[in-house]
Structure formats: structure tokens, C-alpha cells
C-alpha atoms as a PDB file:
ATOM      1  CA  MET A   1      85.005 116.093  74.596  1.00  0.00           C
ATOM      2  CA  ALA A   2      86.566 113.133  72.772  1.00  0.00           C
ATOM      3  CA  PHE A   3      87.344 111.358  76.036  1.00  0.00           C
ATOM      4  CA  THR A   4      83.866 112.096  77.429  1.00  0.00           C
ATOM      5  CA  SER A   5      82.270 110.896  74.199  1.00  0.00           C
ATOM      6  CA  ALA A   6      84.283 107.670  74.337  1.00  0.00           C
ATOM      7  CA  VAL A   7      83.186 107.034  77.918  1.00  0.00           C
ATOM      8  CA  ALA A   8      79.570 107.829  76.972  1.00  0.00           C
ATOM      9  CA  VAL A   9      79.752 105.427  74.029  1.00  0.00           C
ATOM     10  CA  LEU A  10      81.118 102.713  76.304  1.00  0.00           C
ATOM     11  CA  LEU A  11      78.309 103.293  78.801  1.00  0.00           C
ATOM     12  CA  LEU A  12      75.665 103.251  76.063  1.00  0.00           C
ATOM     13  CA  SER A  13      77.187 100.113  74.601  1.00  0.00           C
ATOM     14  CA  ALA A  14      77.125  98.500  78.030  1.00  0.00           C
ATOM     15  CA  VAL A  15      73.413  99.335  78.373  1.00  0.00           C
ATOM     16  CA  ALA A  16      72.642  98.171  74.838  1.00  0.00           C
ATOM     17  CA  ALA A  17      74.631  94.972  75.335  1.00  0.00           C
ATOM     18  CA  TYR A  18      72.860  94.364  78.653  1.00  0.00           C
ATOM     19  CA  VAL A  19      69.437  94.766  77.033  1.00  0.00           C
ATOM     20  CA  THR A  20      70.392  92.663  74.015  1.00  0.00           C
ATOM     21  CA  ILE A  21      71.913  89.923  76.149  1.00  0.00           C
ATOM     22  CA  GLY A  22      68.744  89.947  78.247  1.00  0.00           C
ATOM     23  CA  GLN A  23      66.668  89.498  75.108  1.00  0.00           C
ATOM     24  CA  LEU A  24      69.054  86.770  73.948  1.00  0.00           C
ATOM     25  CA  GLY A  25      68.658  84.968  77.273  1.00  0.00           C
ATOM     26  CA  ASN A  26      64.896  85.268  77.045  1.00  0.00           C
ATOM     27  CA  SER A  27      64.984  83.863  73.507  1.00  0.00           C
ATOM     28  CA  GLN A  28      67.143  80.976  74.691  1.00  0.00           C
ATOM     29  CA  ARG A  29      64.632  80.257  77.462  1.00  0.00           C
ATOM     30  CA  TRP A  30      61.875  80.014  74.854  1.00  0.00           C
ATOM     31  CA  VAL A  31      64.021  77.586  72.850  1.00  0.00           C
ATOM     32  CA  VAL A  32      64.443  75.466  75.971  1.00  0.00           C
ATOM     33  CA  HIS A  33      60.680  75.764  76.557  1.00  0.00           C
ATOM     34  CA  THR A  34      60.035  74.294  73.092  1.00  0.00           C
ATOM     35  CA  TYR A  35      62.297  71.340  73.822  1.00  0.00           C
ATOM     36  CA  GLN A  36      60.452  70.829  77.121  1.00  0.00           C
ATOM     37  CA  VAL A  37      57.085  70.688  75.342  1.00  0.00           C
ATOM     38  CA  GLN A  38      58.418  68.169  72.824  1.00  0.00           C
ATOM     39  CA  SER A  39      59.921  66.114  75.627  1.00  0.00           C
ATOM     40  CA  VAL A  40      56.663  66.051  77.619  1.00  0.00           C
ATOM     41  CA  LEU A  41      54.730  64.981  74.493  1.00  0.00           C
ATOM     42  CA  GLY A  42      57.123  62.051  74.160  1.00  0.00           C
ATOM     43  CA  GLU A  43      56.698  61.227  77.845  1.00  0.00           C
ATOM     44  CA  ILE A  44      52.889  61.176  77.415  1.00  0.00           C
ATOM     45  CA  ASP A  45      53.267  58.602  74.656  1.00  0.00           C
ATOM     46  CA  ALA A  46      55.610  56.579  76.877  1.00  0.00           C
ATOM     47  CA  VAL A  47      53.343  56.483  79.960  1.00  0.00           C
ATOM     48  CA  LEU A  48      50.312  55.788  77.774  1.00  0.00           C
ATOM     49  CA  ALA A  49      52.255  52.904  76.174  1.00  0.00           C
ATOM     50  CA  ASN A  50      52.917  51.584  79.711  1.00  0.00           C
ATOM     51  CA  ALA A  51      49.156  51.605  80.362  1.00  0.00           C
ATOM     52  CA  ALA A  52      48.547  49.833  77.027  1.00  0.00           C
ATOM     53  CA  ARG A  53      51.115  47.140  77.877  1.00  0.00           C
ATOM     54  CA  ALA A  54      49.507  46.609  81.296  1.00  0.00           C
ATOM     55  CA  ARG A  55      46.112  46.290  79.574  1.00  0.00           C
ATOM     56  CA  ASN A  56      47.466  43.760  77.068  1.00  0.00           C
ATOM     57  CA  SER A  57      49.082  41.807  79.895  1.00  0.00           C
ATOM     58  CA  TYR A  58      45.840  41.696  81.844  1.00  0.00           C
ATOM     59  CA  ILE A  59      43.803  40.611  78.788  1.00  0.00           C
ATOM     60  CA  ALA A  60      46.296  37.849  78.158  1.00  0.00           C
ATOM     61  CA  SER A  61      46.582  36.531  81.742  1.00  0.00           C
ATOM     62  CA  ALA A  62      43.951  38.296  83.914  1.00  0.00           C
ATOM     63  CA  ASN A  63      46.738  38.802  86.430  1.00  0.00           C
ATOM     64  CA  ASP A  64      46.039  41.154  89.355  1.00  0.00           C
ATOM     65  CA  SER A  65      49.584  42.535  89.129  1.00  0.00           C
ATOM     66  CA  ALA A  66      48.868  43.659  85.540  1.00  0.00           C
ATOM     67  CA  GLN A  67      45.713  45.391  86.765  1.00  0.00           C
ATOM     68  CA  ALA A  68      47.742  47.130  89.496  1.00  0.00           C
ATOM     69  CA  ALA A  69      50.342  48.173  86.917  1.00  0.00           C
ATOM     70  CA  PHE A  70      47.578  49.622  84.744  1.00  0.00           C
ATOM     71  CA  ALA A  71      46.153  51.569  87.697  1.00  0.00           C
ATOM     72  CA  ALA A  72      49.646  52.859  88.521  1.00  0.00           C
ATOM     73  CA  ALA A  73      50.224  53.994  84.908  1.00  0.00           C
ATOM     74  CA  ILE A  74      47.135  56.226  84.720  1.00  0.00           C
ATOM     75  CA  PRO A  75      48.172  59.036  87.166  1.00  0.00           C
ATOM     76  CA  PRO A  76      51.455  59.768  85.290  1.00  0.00           C
ATOM     77  CA  VAL A  77      49.435  60.142  82.084  1.00  0.00           C
ATOM     78  CA  GLN A  78      47.183  62.697  83.761  1.00  0.00           C
ATOM     79  CA  GLU A  79      50.203  64.498  85.257  1.00  0.00           C
ATOM     80  CA  LYS A  80      51.940  64.768  81.901  1.00  0.00           C
ATOM     81  CA  LEU A  81      48.763  66.031  80.247  1.00  0.00           C
ATOM     82  CA  ALA A  82      48.474  68.722  82.928  1.00  0.00           C
ATOM     83  CA  GLU A  83      52.155  69.573  82.468  1.00  0.00           C
ATOM     84  CA  VAL A  84      51.882  70.006  78.694  1.00  0.00           C
ATOM     85  CA  ARG A  85      48.792  72.185  79.170  1.00  0.00           C
ATOM     86  CA  LYS A  86      50.707  74.415  81.568  1.00  0.00           C
ATOM     87  CA  LEU A  87      53.716  74.625  79.239  1.00  0.00           C
ATOM     88  CA  THR A  88      51.546  75.663  76.272  1.00  0.00           C
ATOM     89  CA  GLU A  89      49.292  78.122  78.096  1.00  0.00           C
ATOM     90  CA  ASP A  90      50.938  81.020  76.179  1.00  0.00           C
ATOM     91  CA  ASN A  91      49.798  79.532  72.833  1.00  0.00           C
ATOM     92  CA  ALA A  92      46.068  79.456  72.055  1.00  0.00           C
ATOM     93  CA  ARG A  93      46.448  76.990  69.183  1.00  0.00           C
ATOM     94  CA  GLN A  94      48.432  74.587  71.340  1.00  0.00           C
ATOM     95  CA  GLN A  95      45.813  74.876  74.061  1.00  0.00           C
ATOM     96  CA  GLN A  96      43.142  73.752  71.586  1.00  0.00           C
ATOM     97  CA  LEU A  97      45.270  70.823  70.489  1.00  0.00           C
ATOM     98  CA  CYS A  98      46.011  70.050  74.123  1.00  0.00           C
ATOM     99  CA  SER A  99      42.280  69.842  74.840  1.00  0.00           C
ATOM    100  CA  GLN A 100      41.877  67.421  71.920  1.00  0.00           C
ATOM    101  CA  LEU A 101      44.820  65.373  73.140  1.00  0.00           C
ATOM    102  CA  GLU A 102      43.358  65.149  76.634  1.00  0.00           C
ATOM    103  CA  ALA A 103      39.959  64.084  75.296  1.00  0.00           C
ATOM    104  CA  LEU A 104      41.410  61.443  72.969  1.00  0.00           C
ATOM    105  CA  THR A 105      43.794  60.126  75.624  1.00  0.00           C
ATOM    106  CA  MET A 106      41.032  59.810  78.198  1.00  0.00           C
ATOM    107  CA  GLN A 107      38.816  58.071  75.603  1.00  0.00           C
ATOM    108  CA  ARG A 108      41.551  55.523  74.931  1.00  0.00           C
ATOM    109  CA  ILE A 109      42.051  54.983  78.651  1.00  0.00           C
ATOM    110  CA  SER A 110      38.306  54.471  78.973  1.00  0.00           C
ATOM    111  CA  LEU A 111      38.474  51.840  76.187  1.00  0.00           C
ATOM    112  CA  PHE A 112      41.428  50.218  77.973  1.00  0.00           C
ATOM    113  CA  ARG A 113      39.294  49.914  81.081  1.00  0.00           C
ATOM    114  CA  GLN A 114      36.363  48.541  79.096  1.00  0.00           C
ATOM    115  CA  GLN A 115      38.611  45.885  77.576  1.00  0.00           C
ATOM    116  CA  MET A 116      39.922  44.916  80.986  1.00  0.00           C
ATOM    117  CA  GLU A 117      36.418  44.840  82.446  1.00  0.00           C
ATOM    118  CA  LEU A 118      35.203  42.724  79.536  1.00  0.00           C
ATOM    119  CA  ARG A 119      38.105  40.314  80.092  1.00  0.00           C
ATOM    120  CA  ARG A 120      37.179  40.068  83.774  1.00  0.00           C
ATOM    121  CA  THR A 121      33.439  39.534  83.223  1.00  0.00           C
ATOM    122  CA  LYS A 122      33.474  37.647  79.880  1.00  0.00           C
ATOM    123  CA  PRO A 123      36.846  36.001  79.386  1.00  0.00           C
ATOM    124  CA  GLY A 124      35.901  34.334  76.151  1.00  0.00           C
ATOM    125  CA  ASP A 125      34.167  37.248  74.401  1.00  0.00           C
ATOM    126  CA  SER A 126      36.601  37.730  71.512  1.00  0.00           C
ATOM    127  CA  ALA A 127      34.042  39.575  69.413  1.00  0.00           C
ATOM    128  CA  GLY A 128      33.581  42.200  72.123  1.00  0.00           C
ATOM    129  CA  GLN A 129      37.325  42.634  72.419  1.00  0.00           C
ATOM    130  CA  ASN A 130      37.684  43.010  68.671  1.00  0.00           C
ATOM    131  CA  ASP A 131      34.907  45.586  68.657  1.00  0.00           C
ATOM    132  CA  LEU A 132      36.681  47.620  71.371  1.00  0.00           C
ATOM    133  CA  VAL A 133      39.976  47.315  69.492  1.00  0.00           C
ATOM    134  CA  GLY A 134      38.232  48.584  66.387  1.00  0.00           C
ATOM    135  CA  LYS A 135      37.063  51.627  68.323  1.00  0.00           C
ATOM    136  CA  ASP A 136      40.566  52.205  69.762  1.00  0.00           C
ATOM    137  CA  LEU A 137      42.393  52.211  66.429  1.00  0.00           C
ATOM    138  CA  PRO A 138      40.831  55.417  65.016  1.00  0.00           C
ATOM    139  CA  LEU A 139      41.290  57.098  68.397  1.00  0.00           C
ATOM    140  CA  SER A 140      44.917  56.047  68.359  1.00  0.00           C
ATOM    141  CA  PHE A 141      45.466  57.408  64.847  1.00  0.00           C
ATOM    142  CA  GLU A 142      43.618  60.648  65.632  1.00  0.00           C
ATOM    143  CA  ARG A 143      45.570  61.053  68.874  1.00  0.00           C
ATOM    144  CA  ALA A 144      48.860  60.445  67.008  1.00  0.00           C
ATOM    145  CA  SER A 145      47.794  63.065  64.461  1.00  0.00           C
ATOM    146  CA  VAL A 146      47.112  65.614  67.243  1.00  0.00           C
ATOM    147  CA  VAL A 147      50.467  64.867  68.893  1.00  0.00           C
ATOM    148  CA  GLN A 148      52.247  65.257  65.559  1.00  0.00           C
ATOM    149  CA  GLU A 149      50.468  68.560  64.935  1.00  0.00           C
ATOM    150  CA  MET A 150      51.546  69.789  68.358  1.00  0.00           C
ATOM    151  CA  ARG A 151      55.111  68.733  67.614  1.00  0.00           C
ATOM    152  CA  ASP A 152      55.010  70.456  64.226  1.00  0.00           C
ATOM    153  CA  GLU A 153      53.745  73.619  65.916  1.00  0.00           C
ATOM    154  CA  GLU A 154      56.538  73.455  68.464  1.00  0.00           C
ATOM    155  CA  GLN A 155      59.054  72.790  65.694  1.00  0.00           C
ATOM    156  CA  ARG A 156      57.794  75.860  63.843  1.00  0.00           C
ATOM    157  CA  LEU A 157      58.104  77.911  67.028  1.00  0.00           C
ATOM    158  CA  LEU A 158      61.547  76.423  67.616  1.00  0.00           C
ATOM    159  CA  GLU A 159      62.744  77.588  64.208  1.00  0.00           C
ATOM    160  CA  LEU A 160      61.351  81.077  64.818  1.00  0.00           C
ATOM    161  CA  ARG A 161      62.905  81.230  68.266  1.00  0.00           C
ATOM    162  CA  ASN A 162      66.247  79.982  66.945  1.00  0.00           C
ATOM    163  CA  GLN A 163      66.156  82.684  64.287  1.00  0.00           C
ATOM    164  CA  THR A 164      65.319  85.282  66.919  1.00  0.00           C
ATOM    165  CA  SER A 165      68.108  83.992  69.127  1.00  0.00           C
ATOM    166  CA  SER A 166      70.573  84.171  66.220  1.00  0.00           C
ATOM    167  CA  ARG A 167      69.502  87.727  65.429  1.00  0.00           C
ATOM    168  CA  PHE A 168      69.947  88.815  69.023  1.00  0.00           C
ATOM    169  CA  PHE A 169      73.341  87.103  69.154  1.00  0.00           C
ATOM    170  CA  SER A 170      74.442  88.799  65.932  1.00  0.00           C
ATOM    171  CA  LEU A 171      73.096  92.108  67.198  1.00  0.00           C
ATOM    172  CA  THR A 172      75.012  91.726  70.455  1.00  0.00           C
ATOM    173  CA  VAL A 173      78.248  90.993  68.598  1.00  0.00           C
ATOM    174  CA  ALA A 174      77.628  93.910  66.210  1.00  0.00           C
ATOM    175  CA  ILE A 175      76.942  96.329  69.076  1.00  0.00           C
ATOM    176  CA  LEU A 176      80.054  95.273  70.955  1.00  0.00           C
ATOM    177  CA  ALA A 177      82.207  95.462  67.818  1.00  0.00           C
ATOM    178  CA  LEU A 178      80.791  98.843  66.789  1.00  0.00           C
ATOM    179  CA  THR A 179      81.202 100.356  70.229  1.00  0.00           C
ATOM    180  CA  PHE A 180      84.739  99.000  70.459  1.00  0.00           C
ATOM    181  CA  VAL A 181      85.642 100.580  67.115  1.00  0.00           C
ATOM    182  CA  LEU A 182      83.949 103.892  68.009  1.00  0.00           C
ATOM    183  CA  SER A 183      85.628 103.961  71.420  1.00  0.00           C
ATOM    184  CA  LEU A 184      88.991 103.191  69.823  1.00  0.00           C
ATOM    185  CA  ILE A 185      88.501 106.023  67.322  1.00  0.00           C
ATOM    186  CA  LEU A 186      87.441 108.492  70.035  1.00  0.00           C
ATOM    187  CA  PHE A 187      90.314 107.510  72.312  1.00  0.00           C
ATOM    188  CA  SER A 188      92.686 107.919  69.350  1.00  0.00           C
ATOM    189  CA  ILE A 189      91.288 111.402  68.714  1.00  0.00           C
ATOM    190  CA  HIS A 190      91.650 112.195  72.412  1.00  0.00           C
ATOM    191  CA  TYR A 191      95.262 110.969  72.337  1.00  0.00           C
ATOM    192  CA  ARG A 192      96.047 113.080  69.278  1.00  0.00           C
ATOM    193  CA  LEU A 193      94.437 116.170  70.807  1.00  0.00           C
ATOM    194  CA  LEU A 194      96.307 115.604  74.049  1.00  0.00           C
ATOM    195  CA  THR A 195      99.569 115.131  72.167  1.00  0.00           C
ATOM    196  CA  THR A 196      98.911 118.285  70.155  1.00  0.00           C
ATOM    197  CA  GLU A 197      98.159 120.213  73.346  1.00  0.00           C
ATOM    198  CA  LEU A 198     101.336 118.963  74.990  1.00  0.00           C
ATOM    199  CA  GLU A 199     103.363 119.881  71.909  1.00  0.00           C
ATOM    200  CA  ALA A 200     101.775 123.334  71.849  1.00  0.00           C
ATOM    201  CA  ARG A 201     102.531 123.782  75.553  1.00  0.00           C
ATOM    202  CA  ALA A 202     106.131 122.666  75.017  1.00  0.00           C
ATOM    203  CA  GLN A 203     106.426 125.052  72.064  1.00  0.00           C
ATOM    204  CA  ALA A 204     105.001 127.871  74.199  1.00  0.00           C
ATOM    205  CA  GLU A 205     107.516 127.087  76.939  1.00  0.00           C
ATOM    206  CA  ARG A 206     110.337 127.088  74.400  1.00  0.00           C
ATOM    207  CA  SER A 207     109.079 130.387  73.009  1.00  0.00           C
ATOM    208  CA  ALA A 208     108.876 131.796  76.528  1.00  0.00           C
ATOM    209  CA  ARG A 209     112.446 130.708  77.265  1.00  0.00           C
ATOM    210  CA  GLU A 210     113.624 132.149  73.974  1.00  0.00           C
ATOM    211  CA  GLY A 211     111.733 135.354  74.730  1.00  0.00           C
ATOM    212  CA  GLU A 212     113.295 135.482  78.178  1.00  0.00           C
ATOM    213  CA  LYS A 213     116.731 135.032  76.660  1.00  0.00           C
ATOM    214  CA  SER A 214     115.960 137.733  74.101  1.00  0.00           C
ATOM    215  CA  LEU A 215     114.771 140.027  76.891  1.00  0.00           C
ATOM    216  CA  GLN A 216     117.920 139.340  78.887  1.00  0.00           C
ATOM    217  CA  HIS A 217     120.032 140.046  75.834  1.00  0.00           C
ATOM    218  CA  LEU A 218     118.064 143.228  75.164  1.00  0.00           C
ATOM    219  CA  THR A 219     118.385 144.314  78.794  1.00  0.00           C
ATOM    220  CA  SER A 220     122.093 143.603  78.721  1.00  0.00           C
ATOM    221  CA  ARG A 221     122.410 145.552  75.495  1.00  0.00           C
ATOM    222  CA  LEU A 222     120.459 148.487  76.953  1.00  0.00           C
ATOM    223  CA  LEU A 223     122.625 148.508  80.069  1.00  0.00           C
ATOM    224  CA  GLN A 224     125.698 148.342  77.886  1.00  0.00           C
ATOM    225  CA  MET A 225     124.479 151.263  75.769  1.00  0.00           C
ATOM    226  CA  GLN A 226     123.551 153.171  78.922  1.00  0.00           C
ATOM    227  CA  ASP A 227     127.026 152.539  80.333  1.00  0.00           C
ATOM    228  CA  GLU A 228     128.582 153.683  77.073  1.00  0.00           C
ATOM    229  CA  GLU A 229     126.489 156.852  77.163  1.00  0.00           C
ATOM    230  CA  ARG A 230     127.518 157.476  80.759  1.00  0.00           C
ATOM    231  CA  ARG A 231     131.157 156.885  79.860  1.00  0.00           C
ATOM    232  CA  LYS A 232     130.877 159.251  76.914  1.00  0.00           C
ATOM    233  CA  PHE A 233     129.088 161.929  78.960  1.00  0.00           C
ATOM    234  CA  SER A 234     131.596 161.524  81.800  1.00  0.00           C
ATOM    235  CA  ARG A 235     134.487 161.895  79.365  1.00  0.00           C
ATOM    236  CA  GLU A 236     132.893 164.980  77.829  1.00  0.00           C
ATOM    237  CA  LEU A 237     132.461 166.555  81.254  1.00  0.00           C
ATOM    238  CA  HIS A 238     136.022 165.792  82.240  1.00  0.00           C
ATOM    239  CA  ASP A 239     137.783 166.538  78.956  1.00  0.00           C
ATOM    240  CA  SER A 240     135.671 169.371  77.622  1.00  0.00           C
ATOM    241  CA  LEU A 241     133.808 171.288  80.301  1.00  0.00           C
ATOM    242  CA  GLY A 242     136.455 170.515  82.931  1.00  0.00           C
ATOM    243  CA  GLN A 243     139.228 171.868  80.698  1.00  0.00           C
ATOM    244  CA  TYR A 244     137.246 175.016  79.971  1.00  0.00           C
ATOM    245  CA  LEU A 245     136.669 175.614  83.659  1.00  0.00           C
ATOM    246  CA  ALA A 246     140.355 174.949  84.380  1.00  0.00           C
ATOM    247  CA  GLY A 247     141.359 177.503  81.721  1.00  0.00           C
ATOM    248  CA  VAL A 248     138.988 180.070  83.216  1.00  0.00           C
ATOM    249  CA  LYS A 249     140.465 179.399  86.676  1.00  0.00           C
ATOM    250  CA  MET A 250     143.993 179.943  85.349  1.00  0.00           C
ATOM    251  CA  ASN A 251     142.986 183.294  83.904  1.00  0.00           C
ATOM    252  CA  LEU A 252     141.267 184.314  87.103  1.00  0.00           C
ATOM    253  CA  ASP A 253     144.307 183.250  89.141  1.00  0.00           C
ATOM    254  CA  MET A 254     146.490 185.475  86.971  1.00  0.00           C
ATOM    255  CA  SER A 255     144.054 188.362  87.442  1.00  0.00           C
ATOM    256  CA  ALA A 256     144.026 187.728  91.204  1.00  0.00           C
ATOM    257  CA  ARG A 257     147.817 188.044  91.368  1.00  0.00           C
ATOM    258  CA  LEU A 258     147.512 191.409  89.647  1.00  0.00           C
ATOM    259  CA  HIS A 259     144.651 192.559  91.879  1.00  0.00           C
ATOM    260  CA  PRO A 260     145.104 190.823  95.225  1.00  0.00           C
ATOM    261  CA  SER A 261     142.636 193.095  96.998  1.00  0.00           C
ATOM    262  CA  ASP A 262     139.693 192.393  94.704  1.00  0.00           C
ATOM    263  CA  GLU A 263     137.225 190.424  96.883  1.00  0.00           C
ATOM    264  CA  LEU A 264     134.734 189.866  94.035  1.00  0.00           C
ATOM    265  CA  LEU A 265     137.444 188.194  91.990  1.00  0.00           C
ATOM    266  CA  ALA A 266     138.423 185.997  94.948  1.00  0.00           C
ATOM    267  CA  SER A 267     134.775 184.957  95.388  1.00  0.00           C
ATOM    268  CA  ALA A 268     134.531 184.103  91.697  1.00  0.00           C
ATOM    269  CA  ILE A 269     137.674 181.977  91.946  1.00  0.00           C
ATOM    270  CA  GLN A 270     136.205 180.129  94.943  1.00  0.00           C
ATOM    271  CA  LEU A 271     132.922 179.436  93.092  1.00  0.00           C
ATOM    272  CA  LEU A 272     134.883 178.285  90.086  1.00  0.00           C
ATOM    273  CA  ASP A 273     136.882 175.833  92.246  1.00  0.00           C
ATOM    274  CA  GLU A 274     133.643 174.417  93.591  1.00  0.00           C
ATOM    275  CA  SER A 275     132.270 174.100  90.045  1.00  0.00           C
ATOM    276  CA  ILE A 276     135.386 172.251  88.904  1.00  0.00           C
ATOM    277  CA  THR A 277     135.159 169.913  91.912  1.00  0.00           C
ATOM    278  CA  GLU A 278     131.446 169.273  91.332  1.00  0.00           C
ATOM    279  CA  THR A 279     132.068 168.622  87.638  1.00  0.00           C
ATOM    280  CA  ARG A 280     134.768 166.078  88.443  1.00  0.00           C
ATOM    281  CA  THR A 281     132.482 164.452  91.031  1.00  0.00           C
ATOM    282  CA  ILE A 282     129.609 164.141  88.550  1.00  0.00           C
ATOM    283  CA  SER A 283     131.997 162.755  85.952  1.00  0.00           C
ATOM    284  CA  HIS A 284     133.285 160.148  88.390  1.00  0.00           C
ATOM    285  CA  LEU A 285     129.769 159.216  89.530  1.00  0.00           C
ATOM    286  CA  LEU A 286     128.517 158.776  85.979  1.00  0.00           C
ATOM    287  CA  HIS A 287     131.351 156.389  85.150  1.00  0.00           C
ATOM    288  CA  PRO A 288     134.037 155.818  87.785  1.00  0.00           C
ATOM    289  CA  PRO A 289     137.446 155.376  86.142  1.00  0.00           C
ATOM    290  CA  LEU A 290     138.210 152.602  88.598  1.00  0.00           C
ATOM    291  CA  LEU A 291     135.415 150.506  87.037  1.00  0.00           C
ATOM    292  CA  ASP A 292     137.528 149.992  83.916  1.00  0.00           C
ATOM    293  CA  GLU A 293     140.857 149.957  85.712  1.00  0.00           C
ATOM    294  CA  VAL A 294     140.382 147.697  88.766  1.00  0.00           C
ATOM    295  CA  GLY A 295     136.920 146.149  88.236  1.00  0.00           C
ATOM    296  CA  PHE A 296     133.503 146.335  89.838  1.00  0.00           C
ATOM    297  CA  SER A 297     134.482 145.355  93.383  1.00  0.00           C
ATOM    298  CA  SER A 298     137.027 148.126  93.934  1.00  0.00           C
ATOM    299  CA  ALA A 299     134.868 150.665  92.140  1.00  0.00           C
ATOM    300  CA  ALA A 300     131.865 149.752  94.319  1.00  0.00           C
ATOM    301  CA  LYS A 301     133.912 150.097  97.496  1.00  0.00           C
ATOM    302  CA  TRP A 302     135.217 153.490  96.342  1.00  0.00           C
ATOM    303  CA  TYR A 303     131.701 154.629  95.433  1.00  0.00           C
ATOM    304  CA  LEU A 304     130.202 153.581  98.765  1.00  0.00           C
ATOM    305  CA  ARG A 305     133.069 155.060 100.707  1.00  0.00           C
ATOM    306  CA  GLY A 306     132.504 158.407  98.990  1.00  0.00           C
ATOM    307  CA  PHE A 307     128.746 158.151  99.609  1.00  0.00           C
ATOM    308  CA  SER A 308     129.382 157.468 103.296  1.00  0.00           C
ATOM    309  CA  GLU A 309     131.721 160.457 103.576  1.00  0.00           C
ATOM    310  CA  ARG A 310     129.292 162.804 101.805  1.00  0.00           C
ATOM    311  CA  SER A 311     126.110 161.672 103.594  1.00  0.00           C
ATOM    312  CA  GLY A 312     127.427 160.601 106.978  1.00  0.00           C
ATOM    313  CA  VAL A 313     125.641 157.238 106.643  1.00  0.00           C
ATOM    314  CA  ASP A 314     127.621 154.215 107.812  1.00  0.00           C
ATOM    315  CA  VAL A 315     127.669 151.711 104.949  1.00  0.00           C
ATOM    316  CA  LYS A 316     128.988 148.136 104.974  1.00  0.00           C
ATOM    317  CA  ILE A 317     129.455 146.121 101.807  1.00  0.00           C
ATOM    318  CA  ASP A 318     129.645 142.332 101.446  1.00  0.00           C
ATOM    319  CA  LEU A 319     130.942 141.288  98.041  1.00  0.00           C
ATOM    320  CA  PRO A 320     130.931 137.557  97.153  1.00  0.00           C
ATOM    321  CA  ILE A 321     134.105 135.940  96.019  1.00  0.00           C
ATOM    322  CA  THR A 322     132.496 134.659  92.805  1.00  0.00           C
ATOM    323  CA  SER A 323     133.380 136.932  89.907  1.00  0.00           C
ATOM    324  CA  GLY A 324     130.512 138.839  88.384  1.00  0.00           C
ATOM    325  CA  ALA A 325     128.087 138.258  91.271  1.00  0.00           C
ATOM    326  CA  SER A 326     125.973 141.149  92.512  1.00  0.00           C
ATOM    327  CA  PRO A 327     127.012 142.625  95.887  1.00  0.00           C
ATOM    328  CA  LYS A 328     124.785 142.671  98.943  1.00  0.00           C
ATOM    329  CA  ILE A 329     124.729 146.070 100.654  1.00  0.00           C
ATOM    330  CA  LEU A 330     123.837 146.416 104.338  1.00  0.00           C
ATOM    331  CA  ARG A 331     122.990 149.717 105.990  1.00  0.00           C
END
């Protein structure tokens, strides 16, 4: 769960960072847009100044080249006015100011043309020129005021957009830092849990090995106790019951010498011999004496040889040379 949570946090942080960076890019585009508007406003002043210089040159010299320069300067003014209108179409206030700027600019251009026409038709009419200049000055001041207002509006928007851009940048950094810290914490938890699980598994394996050793020791102890019980029972059969049966046989043998014709006594002696033999066999099978005297290999061979003679089954034994190894019996 810790690992999955860390991966989920990383994915969510990637999505959040993507969205925030997108918003940051959009905010930066609006900042660039503001600079474009301010630049175009400056370009309008520049191309309009070119038209004014061409007008002044024509009034001073009535040169056709100055008239051509004036005619060439008008289209750029119109283009820049159209460009600033398009750039500010998202702002209703700027659109109003743009309409005022267009009207004032076209009025000044109209006055420029009137001055040039007056110079062409009445070269010496200084009063008419002064009257047109008097009309142009308030238009110039009003137009400059509108341009300044548009620049102030764009400057205000620029400050807002810069603040928005800074907030988005700070938010992006905060998201990345927070997700990094959270992911680091979750991965640390995952590492600790994994380490704990590995330690628990290692401890379980150690416990299992210790339990296996304890079981082997217990099994060995049980086999040892079982062997001791067999040895004790075998000794009791041989030393106690076997001696009693041998004593009974001696008495019966003495009675048989006194009564040689007693068939019942002879039958009892025969049964007693078989009982003594069977008792010795059971005693040997429970714990063969050879096991203590000559070791497991010789005792096993003796045991299997006796089994083969009693059962008629052909038995072959293959004992490894290594001491203490278990034999492999083939039938």
C-alpha cells in the first residue's frame, strides 16, 4: 500500500504539475501579449510621427517626394491601429479607448492633409496654417492622453498577470516539493515495511531450522530410548525368562531319564525346546548382540541372512563404505 500510494502521489503530482505549468505558460503568454500591445502603441506613435515629418517637409518645400512619403506613411498607421484593436479585443475598456485613438488619429491625419492641400493651393496663407495647427494641438494632446491611458491599462494588466504568473510558479514549485517529500516518506515507509518483512521471514526461517534441529534431536532421543527399551526387554527375555525355561527343561530332562517311556513328557520337552529357541530369537531380533559388538553393518547382514533363511526370500544388501550411512536393501 505504501508503494502504491507513493506511485499514486507521483502520478497526481505529475498531473497537478502539468496543469499548473499549463496555467503558468498561459499567464506568461498574457504577459507577452501586454508587451505586444505596448509595443504596437509605440509603433503607432512612430509611424504617425513619420507622417507628421512628411507633412512638415511638404509645407516647407512643397516637394512631391515629401507628398509621396506622406502617402506612404498613412497605410502603416492604419495597419497598426487595426493590429492594436485585434490585440485588445479581449478587453472592453481597451476597445473603447482604441476607438477613440482611431478617431483622433484619423482626425489628425485629416488635418495633415488639409495643411498640405492649403500649402498646395495657397502657399502664402500663414493664417490658415496657424488655424489648422491650432486645431491639431488639442487633438494631439487628447490623442496622447488616450495612448497614455491605454498604456496605463496595459501596465495594470501586466502587474496583475505578473502576479498571477508568480503565484502559478510558486504553486508549481510547492506542488513538486510537496509531492517529492510525500513520495520520499512513502518510499521510506515501504522500505521499512519491506525490511521488517524480510527480517520476519529470516526469523521464521531460523525458527524453522531450529525447530527442525529440535525435531531431529527429539527423534534421535526417541529412537535412542526405544533402542534402550528394546535392549532392556531383550536382556530380560534372555536373562530372566530364558533362564526359567532352561531350569524347567533341566528338570524335565531329569524326569525323562527316570521315565524314558513317557511320551507326554517327551512332547513337553520338545515344546519347551521350541519355546526356548523362540525366546532367544525374539531377544536377538529386539536387540541383536552383534549391534553392540561388531556394529550396524555386521548386525544388518546377520539379520537379513536370518530373515532370508526363515522366509526363503533371496535378499541382497548394499552397504556404503561411509560410516553411519543408511544401507540400501534390494529384493
